[in-house]
Amino acid sequence: MHANSEVPRRLGLADVVHNRRLAAKLTLAQLAQRTALSPSFLSQFENGHTNSSLRSLQRIAGALGTTATALLAEANPAPSEAVVRAEPNPLPAQDLPDEGSRRSLVHGRRDLRALEYTGGTARADHDSTRDSDELIYVVRGTITVLAGGAETELSTGDSYYCTAGESHSWWAHTDETVTLLLSVADGLVVRRPPHRPR
């Protein structure tokens, strides 16, 4: 294949973070300081040798002035095929061993975000708050959701509806737990059509 006919390589999440860090004129050491993550981990992540937990990705996004969802969307800029196949060899999140792994079930700039988490037994050190509603659904296992100062245990088949602006966190009870998180993409607002008279 000639150089001028090559299809451009799609940016991965590691590339997006690397480019954002350079645009912000941050060194790995400076990003590490802002995120409380090690420079070694950040280097491995940017080089595609390891994956990041969602909590670490949220720290990275915050230090870069954006959100984890925006970074994930930027890594997949164009809507792709409707089918997303299982990853044969997903990279584990090695920055924090109890944080499990995550996989995006929707690729490209879409109106809906869907993330699958496996494991993630580490209790969050901070709550998250989103501008849109989220649905947390337990596919297998048990999780605990902390919202509004109350802990709620959810098991296989249970779900928790988290309204926009509600501060919350959650964690799995075992490494085999599988949880789905569904939300509207950042920057979108869901509007209900006005009621029609009958």
N, C-alpha and C. Protein backbone atom coordinates (compact mmCIF):
# COMPACT_ATOMS: atom_id res chain seq x y z
N MET A 1 0.85 -1.18 0.00
CA MET A 1 0.00 0.00 0.00
C MET A 1 0.89 1.23 0.00
N HIS A 2 0.58 2.19 -0.86
CA HIS A 2 1.36 3.42 -0.93
C HIS A 2 1.04 4.31 0.25
N ALA A 3 2.01 5.11 0.66
CA ALA A 3 1.84 5.98 1.82
C ALA A 3 0.66 6.91 1.66
N ASN A 4 0.43 7.42 0.44
CA ASN A 4 -0.67 8.37 0.28
C ASN A 4 -2.04 7.72 0.23
N SER A 5 -2.09 6.38 0.12
CA SER A 5 -3.39 5.70 0.09
C SER A 5 -3.72 5.02 1.41
N GLU A 6 -2.86 5.17 2.40
CA GLU A 6 -3.12 4.54 3.69
C GLU A 6 -4.28 5.22 4.39
N VAL A 7 -5.07 4.40 5.06
CA VAL A 7 -6.17 4.93 5.85
C VAL A 7 -5.59 5.49 7.13
N PRO A 8 -5.97 6.72 7.52
CA PRO A 8 -5.41 7.28 8.75
C PRO A 8 -5.76 6.42 9.96
N ARG A 9 -4.81 6.27 10.85
CA ARG A 9 -5.02 5.48 12.06
C ARG A 9 -5.99 6.21 12.98
N ARG A 10 -6.98 5.46 13.49
CA ARG A 10 -7.94 6.04 14.42
C ARG A 10 -7.25 6.30 15.75
N LEU A 11 -7.52 7.44 16.34
CA LEU A 11 -6.94 7.75 17.64
C LEU A 11 -7.55 6.87 18.71
N GLY A 12 -6.71 6.30 19.55
CA GLY A 12 -7.20 5.57 20.69
C GLY A 12 -7.26 6.50 21.90
N LEU A 13 -7.79 6.00 22.99
CA LEU A 13 -7.91 6.81 24.20
C LEU A 13 -6.54 7.29 24.67
N ALA A 14 -5.54 6.43 24.57
CA ALA A 14 -4.18 6.82 24.99
C ALA A 14 -3.67 7.99 24.15
N ASP A 15 -3.95 7.95 22.84
CA ASP A 15 -3.53 9.05 21.95
C ASP A 15 -4.24 10.35 22.31
N VAL A 16 -5.52 10.24 22.59
CA VAL A 16 -6.31 11.43 22.94
C VAL A 16 -5.75 12.08 24.20
N VAL A 17 -5.48 11.26 25.23
CA VAL A 17 -4.94 11.80 26.48
C VAL A 17 -3.56 12.41 26.22
N HIS A 18 -2.73 11.72 25.46
CA HIS A 18 -1.39 12.24 25.15
C HIS A 18 -1.48 13.59 24.44
N ASN A 19 -2.33 13.68 23.42
CA ASN A 19 -2.48 14.93 22.67
C ASN A 19 -3.05 16.05 23.54
N ARG A 20 -4.01 15.72 24.38
CA ARG A 20 -4.58 16.73 25.28
C ARG A 20 -3.54 17.22 26.28
N ARG A 21 -2.71 16.30 26.78
CA ARG A 21 -1.67 16.68 27.73
C ARG A 21 -0.66 17.63 27.08
N LEU A 22 -0.26 17.29 25.86
CA LEU A 22 0.69 18.15 25.15
C LEU A 22 0.07 19.51 24.84
N ALA A 23 -1.20 19.53 24.45
CA ALA A 23 -1.88 20.80 24.16
C ALA A 23 -1.96 21.68 25.41
N ALA A 24 -2.08 21.03 26.58
CA ALA A 24 -2.13 21.76 27.85
C ALA A 24 -0.73 22.12 28.34
N LYS A 25 0.29 21.72 27.57
CA LYS A 25 1.70 21.98 27.91
C LYS A 25 2.07 21.41 29.28
N LEU A 26 1.60 20.18 29.53
CA LEU A 26 1.91 19.49 30.78
C LEU A 26 2.90 18.36 30.52
N THR A 27 3.85 18.20 31.42
CA THR A 27 4.73 17.03 31.38
C THR A 27 4.00 15.88 32.06
N LEU A 28 4.52 14.68 31.89
CA LEU A 28 3.95 13.54 32.61
C LEU A 28 4.02 13.76 34.12
N ALA A 29 5.13 14.33 34.58
CA ALA A 29 5.28 14.59 36.02
C ALA A 29 4.22 15.58 36.52
N GLN A 30 3.93 16.61 35.73
CA GLN A 30 2.92 17.58 36.14
C GLN A 30 1.52 16.96 36.15
N LEU A 31 1.23 16.15 35.13
CA LEU A 31 -0.07 15.47 35.10
C LEU A 31 -0.18 14.49 36.27
N ALA A 32 0.92 13.80 36.56
CA ALA A 32 0.93 12.88 37.70
C ALA A 32 0.63 13.60 39.00
N GLN A 33 1.23 14.77 39.16
CA GLN A 33 1.00 15.55 40.39
C GLN A 33 -0.46 15.98 40.50
N ARG A 34 -1.05 16.40 39.39
CA ARG A 34 -2.44 16.87 39.40
C ARG A 34 -3.45 15.74 39.60
N THR A 35 -3.06 14.52 39.24
CA THR A 35 -4.00 13.39 39.31
C THR A 35 -3.73 12.43 40.46
N ALA A 36 -2.59 12.59 41.13
CA ALA A 36 -2.16 11.65 42.18
C ALA A 36 -1.96 10.24 41.61
N LEU A 37 -1.58 10.17 40.32
CA LEU A 37 -1.23 8.91 39.68
C LEU A 37 0.27 8.94 39.39
N SER A 38 0.89 7.78 39.28
CA SER A 38 2.34 7.76 39.08
C SER A 38 2.71 8.11 37.64
N PRO A 39 3.85 8.79 37.46
CA PRO A 39 4.32 9.07 36.10
C PRO A 39 4.53 7.78 35.29
N SER A 40 4.97 6.73 35.97
CA SER A 40 5.18 5.44 35.30
C SER A 40 3.87 4.91 34.73
N PHE A 41 2.80 4.94 35.53
CA PHE A 41 1.50 4.48 35.04
C PHE A 41 1.04 5.33 33.87
N LEU A 42 1.14 6.65 34.00
CA LEU A 42 0.68 7.54 32.94
C LEU A 42 1.45 7.30 31.65
N SER A 43 2.75 7.05 31.74
CA SER A 43 3.57 6.76 30.57
C SER A 43 3.11 5.45 29.91
N GLN A 44 2.90 4.41 30.72
CA GLN A 44 2.43 3.13 30.19
C GLN A 44 1.06 3.29 29.54
N PHE A 45 0.18 4.09 30.16
CA PHE A 45 -1.15 4.32 29.62
C PHE A 45 -1.08 5.05 28.27
N GLU A 46 -0.30 6.12 28.21
CA GLU A 46 -0.19 6.88 26.96
C GLU A 46 0.46 6.07 25.85
N ASN A 47 1.28 5.09 26.20
CA ASN A 47 1.93 4.24 25.20
C ASN A 47 1.10 3.00 24.86
N GLY A 48 -0.10 2.89 25.46
CA GLY A 48 -1.00 1.79 25.14
C GLY A 48 -0.64 0.46 25.76
N HIS A 49 0.19 0.47 26.82
CA HIS A 49 0.61 -0.76 27.46
C HIS A 49 -0.28 -1.17 28.63
N THR A 50 -1.17 -0.29 29.05
CA THR A 50 -2.09 -0.60 30.13
C THR A 50 -3.36 0.19 29.92
N ASN A 51 -4.39 -0.17 30.64
CA ASN A 51 -5.67 0.52 30.57
C ASN A 51 -5.85 1.32 31.85
N SER A 52 -6.84 2.17 31.87
CA SER A 52 -7.12 3.00 33.04
C SER A 52 -8.47 2.62 33.62
N SER A 53 -8.57 2.67 34.93
CA SER A 53 -9.88 2.51 35.55
C SER A 53 -10.67 3.79 35.29
N LEU A 54 -11.97 3.72 35.47
CA LEU A 54 -12.79 4.92 35.25
C LEU A 54 -12.39 6.01 36.24
N ARG A 55 -12.14 5.65 37.48
CA ARG A 55 -11.80 6.67 38.47
C ARG A 55 -10.51 7.39 38.10
N SER A 56 -9.53 6.64 37.61
CA SER A 56 -8.28 7.28 37.18
C SER A 56 -8.50 8.11 35.92
N LEU A 57 -9.34 7.61 35.00
CA LEU A 57 -9.63 8.38 33.80
C LEU A 57 -10.35 9.68 34.17
N GLN A 58 -11.22 9.62 35.17
CA GLN A 58 -11.88 10.85 35.63
C GLN A 58 -10.87 11.83 36.21
N ARG A 59 -9.88 11.33 36.94
CA ARG A 59 -8.82 12.21 37.47
C ARG A 59 -8.03 12.85 36.34
N ILE A 60 -7.69 12.04 35.34
CA ILE A 60 -6.93 12.55 34.19
C ILE A 60 -7.76 13.60 33.46
N ALA A 61 -9.02 13.29 33.21
CA ALA A 61 -9.90 14.22 32.50
C ALA A 61 -10.02 15.53 33.26
N GLY A 62 -10.21 15.46 34.56
CA GLY A 62 -10.32 16.67 35.37
C GLY A 62 -9.07 17.53 35.29
N ALA A 63 -7.91 16.88 35.32
CA ALA A 63 -6.65 17.63 35.22
C ALA A 63 -6.46 18.26 33.84
N LEU A 64 -7.12 17.68 32.83
CA LEU A 64 -7.03 18.21 31.47
C LEU A 64 -8.20 19.13 31.14
N GLY A 65 -9.06 19.39 32.12
CA GLY A 65 -10.17 20.32 31.93
C GLY A 65 -11.32 19.78 31.11
N THR A 66 -11.56 18.47 31.20
CA THR A 66 -12.66 17.86 30.45
C THR A 66 -13.27 16.74 31.28
N THR A 67 -14.07 15.89 30.66
CA THR A 67 -14.69 14.76 31.36
C THR A 67 -14.20 13.45 30.75
N ALA A 68 -14.33 12.36 31.50
CA ALA A 68 -13.96 11.04 31.00
C ALA A 68 -14.80 10.69 29.78
N THR A 69 -16.08 11.01 29.81
CA THR A 69 -16.96 10.72 28.69
C THR A 69 -16.51 11.44 27.43
N ALA A 70 -16.09 12.69 27.57
CA ALA A 70 -15.61 13.45 26.41
C ALA A 70 -14.34 12.84 25.84
N LEU A 71 -13.44 12.37 26.70
CA LEU A 71 -12.22 11.72 26.21
C LEU A 71 -12.55 10.44 25.46
N LEU A 72 -13.49 9.64 26.00
CA LEU A 72 -13.89 8.41 25.33
C LEU A 72 -14.53 8.70 23.98
N ALA A 73 -15.37 9.73 23.92
CA ALA A 73 -16.02 10.09 22.65
C ALA A 73 -14.99 10.58 21.63
N GLU A 74 -14.00 11.34 22.09
CA GLU A 74 -12.97 11.85 21.18
C GLU A 74 -12.11 10.71 20.63
N ALA A 75 -11.98 9.64 21.40
CA ALA A 75 -11.21 8.49 20.94
C ALA A 75 -11.96 7.74 19.84
N ASN A 76 -13.24 7.95 19.74
CA ASN A 76 -14.07 7.32 18.71
C ASN A 76 -14.94 8.39 18.07
N PRO A 77 -14.35 9.29 17.24
CA PRO A 77 -15.08 10.47 16.79
C PRO A 77 -16.25 10.23 15.86
N ALA A 78 -16.19 9.23 15.02
CA ALA A 78 -17.28 9.02 14.07
C ALA A 78 -18.10 7.81 14.50
N PRO A 79 -19.42 7.90 14.37
CA PRO A 79 -20.21 6.71 14.69
C PRO A 79 -19.72 5.54 13.85
N SER A 80 -19.58 4.42 14.49
CA SER A 80 -19.08 3.25 13.79
C SER A 80 -20.22 2.25 13.62
N GLU A 81 -19.85 1.06 13.38
CA GLU A 81 -20.84 0.00 13.20
C GLU A 81 -21.77 -0.07 14.41
N ALA A 82 -22.95 -0.56 14.18
CA ALA A 82 -23.92 -0.71 15.26
C ALA A 82 -23.53 -1.82 16.22
N VAL A 83 -22.73 -2.76 15.74
CA VAL A 83 -22.32 -3.90 16.57
C VAL A 83 -20.94 -3.63 17.16
N VAL A 84 -20.82 -3.79 18.46
CA VAL A 84 -19.52 -3.70 19.14
C VAL A 84 -19.22 -5.10 19.67
N ARG A 85 -18.17 -5.69 19.15
CA ARG A 85 -17.79 -7.06 19.53
C ARG A 85 -17.01 -7.06 20.85
N ALA A 86 -17.08 -8.19 21.53
CA ALA A 86 -16.31 -8.35 22.76
C ALA A 86 -14.83 -8.25 22.43
N GLU A 87 -14.07 -7.62 23.31
CA GLU A 87 -12.63 -7.49 23.10
C GLU A 87 -11.97 -8.81 23.47
N PRO A 88 -11.16 -9.38 22.56
CA PRO A 88 -10.56 -10.67 22.85
C PRO A 88 -9.56 -10.64 24.00
N ASN A 89 -8.79 -9.56 24.10
CA ASN A 89 -7.78 -9.44 25.15
C ASN A 89 -7.81 -8.05 25.76
N PRO A 90 -8.85 -7.73 26.54
CA PRO A 90 -8.89 -6.38 27.11
C PRO A 90 -7.75 -6.17 28.09
N LEU A 91 -7.20 -4.96 28.08
CA LEU A 91 -6.14 -4.62 29.03
C LEU A 91 -6.76 -4.34 30.39
N PRO A 92 -6.24 -4.94 31.44
CA PRO A 92 -6.77 -4.63 32.77
C PRO A 92 -6.35 -3.24 33.21
N ALA A 93 -7.13 -2.68 34.10
CA ALA A 93 -6.77 -1.39 34.69
C ALA A 93 -5.73 -1.67 35.75
N GLN A 94 -4.47 -1.37 35.47
CA GLN A 94 -3.40 -1.74 36.39
C GLN A 94 -2.95 -0.59 37.27
N ASP A 95 -3.58 0.57 37.11
CA ASP A 95 -3.18 1.69 37.94
C ASP A 95 -3.63 1.48 39.38
N LEU A 96 -4.80 0.93 39.56
CA LEU A 96 -5.33 0.62 40.88
C LEU A 96 -5.96 -0.77 40.77
N PRO A 97 -5.32 -1.81 41.32
CA PRO A 97 -5.74 -3.18 41.05
C PRO A 97 -7.18 -3.51 41.43
N ASP A 98 -7.77 -2.84 42.40
CA ASP A 98 -9.13 -3.15 42.82
C ASP A 98 -10.18 -2.40 42.01
N GLU A 99 -9.76 -1.67 40.97
CA GLU A 99 -10.71 -0.87 40.22
C GLU A 99 -11.30 -1.60 39.02
N GLY A 100 -10.88 -2.82 38.75
CA GLY A 100 -11.47 -3.61 37.69
C GLY A 100 -11.16 -3.05 36.31
N SER A 101 -12.03 -3.38 35.36
CA SER A 101 -11.84 -2.90 33.99
C SER A 101 -13.14 -2.34 33.46
N ARG A 102 -13.03 -1.52 32.42
CA ARG A 102 -14.22 -0.95 31.79
C ARG A 102 -14.08 -1.08 30.29
N ARG A 103 -15.23 -1.15 29.63
CA ARG A 103 -15.25 -1.28 28.18
C ARG A 103 -16.41 -0.46 27.66
N SER A 104 -16.16 0.32 26.62
CA SER A 104 -17.22 1.12 26.02
C SER A 104 -18.04 0.24 25.09
N LEU A 105 -19.37 0.27 25.26
CA LEU A 105 -20.27 -0.52 24.42
C LEU A 105 -20.83 0.29 23.27
N VAL A 106 -20.52 1.58 23.23
CA VAL A 106 -20.96 2.47 22.16
C VAL A 106 -19.72 3.20 21.67
N HIS A 107 -19.47 3.12 20.38
CA HIS A 107 -18.30 3.80 19.82
C HIS A 107 -18.74 4.99 18.98
N GLY A 108 -17.92 5.99 18.95
CA GLY A 108 -18.20 7.17 18.15
C GLY A 108 -18.98 8.21 18.92
N ARG A 109 -19.22 9.32 18.25
CA ARG A 109 -20.00 10.41 18.85
C ARG A 109 -21.47 10.05 18.73
N ARG A 110 -22.01 9.51 19.76
CA ARG A 110 -23.41 9.09 19.81
C ARG A 110 -24.10 9.84 20.94
N ASP A 111 -25.42 9.79 20.93
CA ASP A 111 -26.19 10.48 21.97
C ASP A 111 -26.26 9.69 23.26
N LEU A 112 -25.93 8.41 23.22
CA LEU A 112 -26.00 7.54 24.38
C LEU A 112 -24.61 7.01 24.69
N ARG A 113 -24.28 6.94 25.97
CA ARG A 113 -23.03 6.33 26.43
C ARG A 113 -23.40 5.07 27.21
N ALA A 114 -22.67 4.01 26.96
CA ALA A 114 -22.87 2.75 27.68
C ALA A 114 -21.51 2.16 28.00
N LEU A 115 -21.24 1.95 29.28
CA LEU A 115 -19.97 1.39 29.72
C LEU A 115 -20.24 0.13 30.51
N GLU A 116 -19.41 -0.89 30.28
CA GLU A 116 -19.49 -2.14 31.01
C GLU A 116 -18.30 -2.21 31.95
N TYR A 117 -18.56 -2.47 33.21
CA TYR A 117 -17.50 -2.58 34.22
C TYR A 117 -17.46 -4.01 34.72
N THR A 118 -16.25 -4.55 34.85
CA THR A 118 -16.05 -5.85 35.47
C THR A 118 -15.19 -5.61 36.70
N GLY A 119 -15.68 -6.08 37.84
CA GLY A 119 -14.95 -5.84 39.09
C GLY A 119 -15.12 -4.42 39.55
N GLY A 120 -14.08 -3.90 40.15
CA GLY A 120 -14.13 -2.53 40.67
C GLY A 120 -14.54 -2.52 42.13
N THR A 121 -13.80 -3.27 42.94
CA THR A 121 -14.15 -3.41 44.35
C THR A 121 -13.63 -2.28 45.23
N ALA A 122 -12.82 -1.40 44.66
CA ALA A 122 -12.30 -0.28 45.45
C ALA A 122 -13.40 0.74 45.71
N ARG A 123 -13.55 1.11 46.95
CA ARG A 123 -14.54 2.13 47.29
C ARG A 123 -14.01 3.48 46.82
N ALA A 124 -14.84 4.23 46.12
CA ALA A 124 -14.42 5.50 45.53
C ALA A 124 -13.95 6.47 46.60
N ASP A 125 -12.90 7.23 46.27
CA ASP A 125 -12.41 8.24 47.20
C ASP A 125 -13.13 9.57 47.03
N HIS A 126 -13.98 9.65 46.00
CA HIS A 126 -14.81 10.84 45.81
C HIS A 126 -16.06 10.46 45.02
N ASP A 127 -17.12 11.21 45.21
CA ASP A 127 -18.35 10.98 44.47
C ASP A 127 -18.26 11.63 43.11
N SER A 128 -19.09 11.16 42.19
CA SER A 128 -19.16 11.82 40.89
C SER A 128 -20.55 12.43 40.72
N THR A 129 -20.61 13.46 39.94
CA THR A 129 -21.86 14.14 39.64
C THR A 129 -21.87 14.42 38.15
N ARG A 130 -22.98 14.11 37.50
CA ARG A 130 -23.08 14.34 36.06
C ARG A 130 -24.19 15.33 35.76
N ASP A 131 -24.09 15.94 34.58
CA ASP A 131 -25.11 16.88 34.14
C ASP A 131 -26.32 16.18 33.54
N SER A 132 -26.22 14.88 33.34
CA SER A 132 -27.35 14.13 32.79
C SER A 132 -27.66 12.94 33.69
N ASP A 133 -28.83 12.36 33.49
CA ASP A 133 -29.23 11.20 34.26
C ASP A 133 -28.37 9.99 33.88
N GLU A 134 -28.24 9.04 34.82
CA GLU A 134 -27.52 7.79 34.58
C GLU A 134 -28.37 6.64 35.07
N LEU A 135 -28.18 5.49 34.45
CA LEU A 135 -28.80 4.26 34.92
C LEU A 135 -27.68 3.28 35.21
N ILE A 136 -27.64 2.76 36.43
CA ILE A 136 -26.65 1.77 36.82
C ILE A 136 -27.38 0.44 36.90
N TYR A 137 -26.97 -0.55 36.12
CA TYR A 137 -27.64 -1.85 36.04
C TYR A 137 -26.65 -2.96 36.36
N VAL A 138 -27.03 -3.86 37.25
CA VAL A 138 -26.15 -4.97 37.64
C VAL A 138 -26.47 -6.18 36.77
N VAL A 139 -25.52 -6.55 35.92
CA VAL A 139 -25.68 -7.71 35.05
C VAL A 139 -25.44 -8.99 35.84
N ARG A 140 -24.38 -8.99 36.66
CA ARG A 140 -24.04 -10.17 37.45
C ARG A 140 -23.34 -9.73 38.72
N GLY A 141 -23.73 -10.30 39.85
CA GLY A 141 -23.06 -10.00 41.11
C GLY A 141 -23.81 -8.99 41.96
N THR A 142 -23.07 -8.29 42.80
CA THR A 142 -23.65 -7.33 43.75
C THR A 142 -22.77 -6.09 43.81
N ILE A 143 -23.41 -4.93 43.88
CA ILE A 143 -22.70 -3.67 44.07
C ILE A 143 -23.36 -2.89 45.20
N THR A 144 -22.67 -1.88 45.68
CA THR A 144 -23.25 -0.93 46.63
C THR A 144 -23.19 0.44 46.00
N VAL A 145 -24.33 1.14 46.02
CA VAL A 145 -24.41 2.51 45.52
C VAL A 145 -24.52 3.42 46.73
N LEU A 146 -23.71 4.47 46.77
CA LEU A 146 -23.77 5.48 47.82
C LEU A 146 -24.29 6.76 47.18
N ALA A 147 -25.48 7.18 47.58
CA ALA A 147 -26.08 8.41 47.03
C ALA A 147 -26.93 9.05 48.11
N GLY A 148 -26.83 10.34 48.23
CA GLY A 148 -27.62 11.06 49.22
C GLY A 148 -27.33 10.62 50.64
N GLY A 149 -26.11 10.16 50.89
CA GLY A 149 -25.72 9.72 52.23
C GLY A 149 -26.21 8.33 52.60
N ALA A 150 -26.92 7.66 51.70
CA ALA A 150 -27.45 6.32 51.98
C ALA A 150 -26.79 5.29 51.08
N GLU A 151 -26.48 4.12 51.65
CA GLU A 151 -25.94 3.02 50.88
C GLU A 151 -27.07 2.09 50.48
N THR A 152 -27.09 1.70 49.20
CA THR A 152 -28.11 0.79 48.69
C THR A 152 -27.39 -0.37 48.01
N GLU A 153 -27.71 -1.59 48.41
CA GLU A 153 -27.11 -2.77 47.81
C GLU A 153 -27.98 -3.24 46.64
N LEU A 154 -27.34 -3.48 45.50
CA LEU A 154 -28.04 -3.96 44.31
C LEU A 154 -27.44 -5.29 43.89
N SER A 155 -28.30 -6.22 43.47
CA SER A 155 -27.84 -7.53 43.00
C SER A 155 -28.27 -7.74 41.55
N THR A 156 -27.89 -8.89 41.00
CA THR A 156 -28.18 -9.22 39.61
C THR A 156 -29.60 -8.83 39.21
N GLY A 157 -29.71 -8.04 38.15
CA GLY A 157 -31.01 -7.62 37.63
C GLY A 157 -31.54 -6.33 38.22
N ASP A 158 -30.92 -5.83 39.30
CA ASP A 158 -31.36 -4.58 39.92
C ASP A 158 -30.76 -3.39 39.17
N SER A 159 -31.43 -2.25 39.28
CA SER A 159 -30.89 -1.03 38.68
C SER A 159 -31.11 0.14 39.62
N TYR A 160 -30.32 1.18 39.42
CA TYR A 160 -30.43 2.42 40.20
C TYR A 160 -30.47 3.57 39.22
N TYR A 161 -31.50 4.41 39.31
CA TYR A 161 -31.63 5.58 38.46
C TYR A 161 -31.07 6.77 39.20
N CYS A 162 -30.05 7.37 38.64
CA CYS A 162 -29.37 8.49 39.27
C CYS A 162 -29.71 9.75 38.48
N THR A 163 -30.40 10.69 39.10
CA THR A 163 -30.80 11.91 38.40
C THR A 163 -29.62 12.86 38.24
N ALA A 164 -29.71 13.72 37.24
CA ALA A 164 -28.66 14.70 36.96
C ALA A 164 -28.37 15.51 38.21
N GLY A 165 -27.09 15.72 38.49
CA GLY A 165 -26.68 16.52 39.63
C GLY A 165 -26.61 15.77 40.94
N GLU A 166 -27.06 14.51 40.97
CA GLU A 166 -27.02 13.72 42.20
C GLU A 166 -25.60 13.18 42.42
N SER A 167 -25.00 13.52 43.54
CA SER A 167 -23.67 13.06 43.88
C SER A 167 -23.75 11.59 44.28
N HIS A 168 -22.91 10.75 43.68
CA HIS A 168 -23.00 9.32 43.95
C HIS A 168 -21.66 8.63 43.67
N SER A 169 -21.54 7.42 44.18
CA SER A 169 -20.42 6.53 43.86
C SER A 169 -20.93 5.10 44.00
N TRP A 170 -20.20 4.15 43.49
CA TRP A 170 -20.58 2.75 43.63
C TRP A 170 -19.34 1.87 43.52
N TRP A 171 -19.45 0.66 44.04
CA TRP A 171 -18.35 -0.30 43.98
C TRP A 171 -18.92 -1.71 43.96
N ALA A 172 -18.18 -2.61 43.33
CA ALA A 172 -18.57 -4.01 43.22
C ALA A 172 -18.13 -4.77 44.47
N HIS A 173 -18.81 -5.86 44.75
CA HIS A 173 -18.44 -6.68 45.90
C HIS A 173 -17.39 -7.73 45.55
N THR A 174 -17.32 -8.14 44.26
CA THR A 174 -16.32 -9.13 43.83
C THR A 174 -15.72 -8.70 42.49
N ASP A 175 -14.60 -9.32 42.14
CA ASP A 175 -13.95 -9.04 40.86
C ASP A 175 -14.74 -9.58 39.67
N GLU A 176 -15.70 -10.48 39.91
CA GLU A 176 -16.49 -11.07 38.83
C GLU A 176 -17.77 -10.30 38.56
N THR A 177 -18.06 -9.29 39.36
CA THR A 177 -19.28 -8.51 39.18
C THR A 177 -19.23 -7.75 37.86
N VAL A 178 -20.35 -7.73 37.13
CA VAL A 178 -20.45 -6.99 35.87
C VAL A 178 -21.58 -5.98 36.01
N THR A 179 -21.27 -4.73 35.74
CA THR A 179 -22.22 -3.62 35.90
C THR A 179 -22.24 -2.79 34.62
N LEU A 180 -23.43 -2.35 34.21
CA LEU A 180 -23.56 -1.45 33.07
C LEU A 180 -23.92 -0.07 33.57
N LEU A 181 -23.34 0.94 32.95
CA LEU A 181 -23.68 2.32 33.25
C LEU A 181 -24.13 2.97 31.94
N LEU A 182 -25.36 3.46 31.91
CA LEU A 182 -25.93 4.08 30.72
C LEU A 182 -26.21 5.54 31.02
N SER A 183 -25.88 6.42 30.07
CA SER A 183 -26.15 7.84 30.26
C SER A 183 -26.24 8.53 28.91
N VAL A 184 -26.80 9.72 28.94
CA VAL A 184 -26.82 10.57 27.76
C VAL A 184 -25.43 11.18 27.63
N ALA A 185 -24.96 11.35 26.40
CA ALA A 185 -23.64 11.91 26.17
C ALA A 185 -23.53 13.31 26.76
N ASP A 186 -22.32 13.68 27.17
CA ASP A 186 -22.08 15.01 27.73
C ASP A 186 -22.56 16.09 26.78
N GLY A 187 -23.16 17.12 27.32
CA GLY A 187 -23.60 18.26 26.53
C GLY A 187 -24.97 18.11 25.92
N LEU A 188 -25.59 16.95 26.03
CA LEU A 188 -26.93 16.76 25.48
C LEU A 188 -27.96 16.86 26.58
N VAL A 189 -29.12 17.36 26.23
CA VAL A 189 -30.22 17.46 27.17
C VAL A 189 -31.39 16.70 26.59
N VAL A 190 -31.98 15.82 27.37
CA VAL A 190 -33.15 15.09 26.91
C VAL A 190 -34.37 15.93 27.23
N ARG A 191 -35.13 16.20 26.22
CA ARG A 191 -36.36 16.98 26.41
C ARG A 191 -37.55 16.10 26.06
N ARG A 192 -38.52 16.11 26.92
CA ARG A 192 -39.74 15.37 26.64
C ARG A 192 -40.66 16.24 25.80
N PRO A 193 -41.33 15.64 24.81
CA PRO A 193 -42.26 16.44 24.03
C PRO A 193 -43.41 16.90 24.92
N PRO A 194 -43.96 18.06 24.64
CA PRO A 194 -45.07 18.52 25.47
C PRO A 194 -46.26 17.58 25.35
N HIS A 195 -47.02 17.49 26.43
CA HIS A 195 -48.21 16.64 26.40
C HIS A 195 -49.21 17.20 25.42
N ARG A 196 -49.81 16.32 24.68
CA ARG A 196 -50.84 16.74 23.73
C ARG A 196 -52.20 16.57 24.37
N PRO A 197 -53.09 17.49 24.10
CA PRO A 197 -54.44 17.31 24.64
C PRO A 197 -55.08 16.07 24.02
N ARG A 198 -55.88 15.39 24.79
CA ARG A 198 -56.55 14.18 24.28
C ARG A 198 -57.87 14.51 23.67
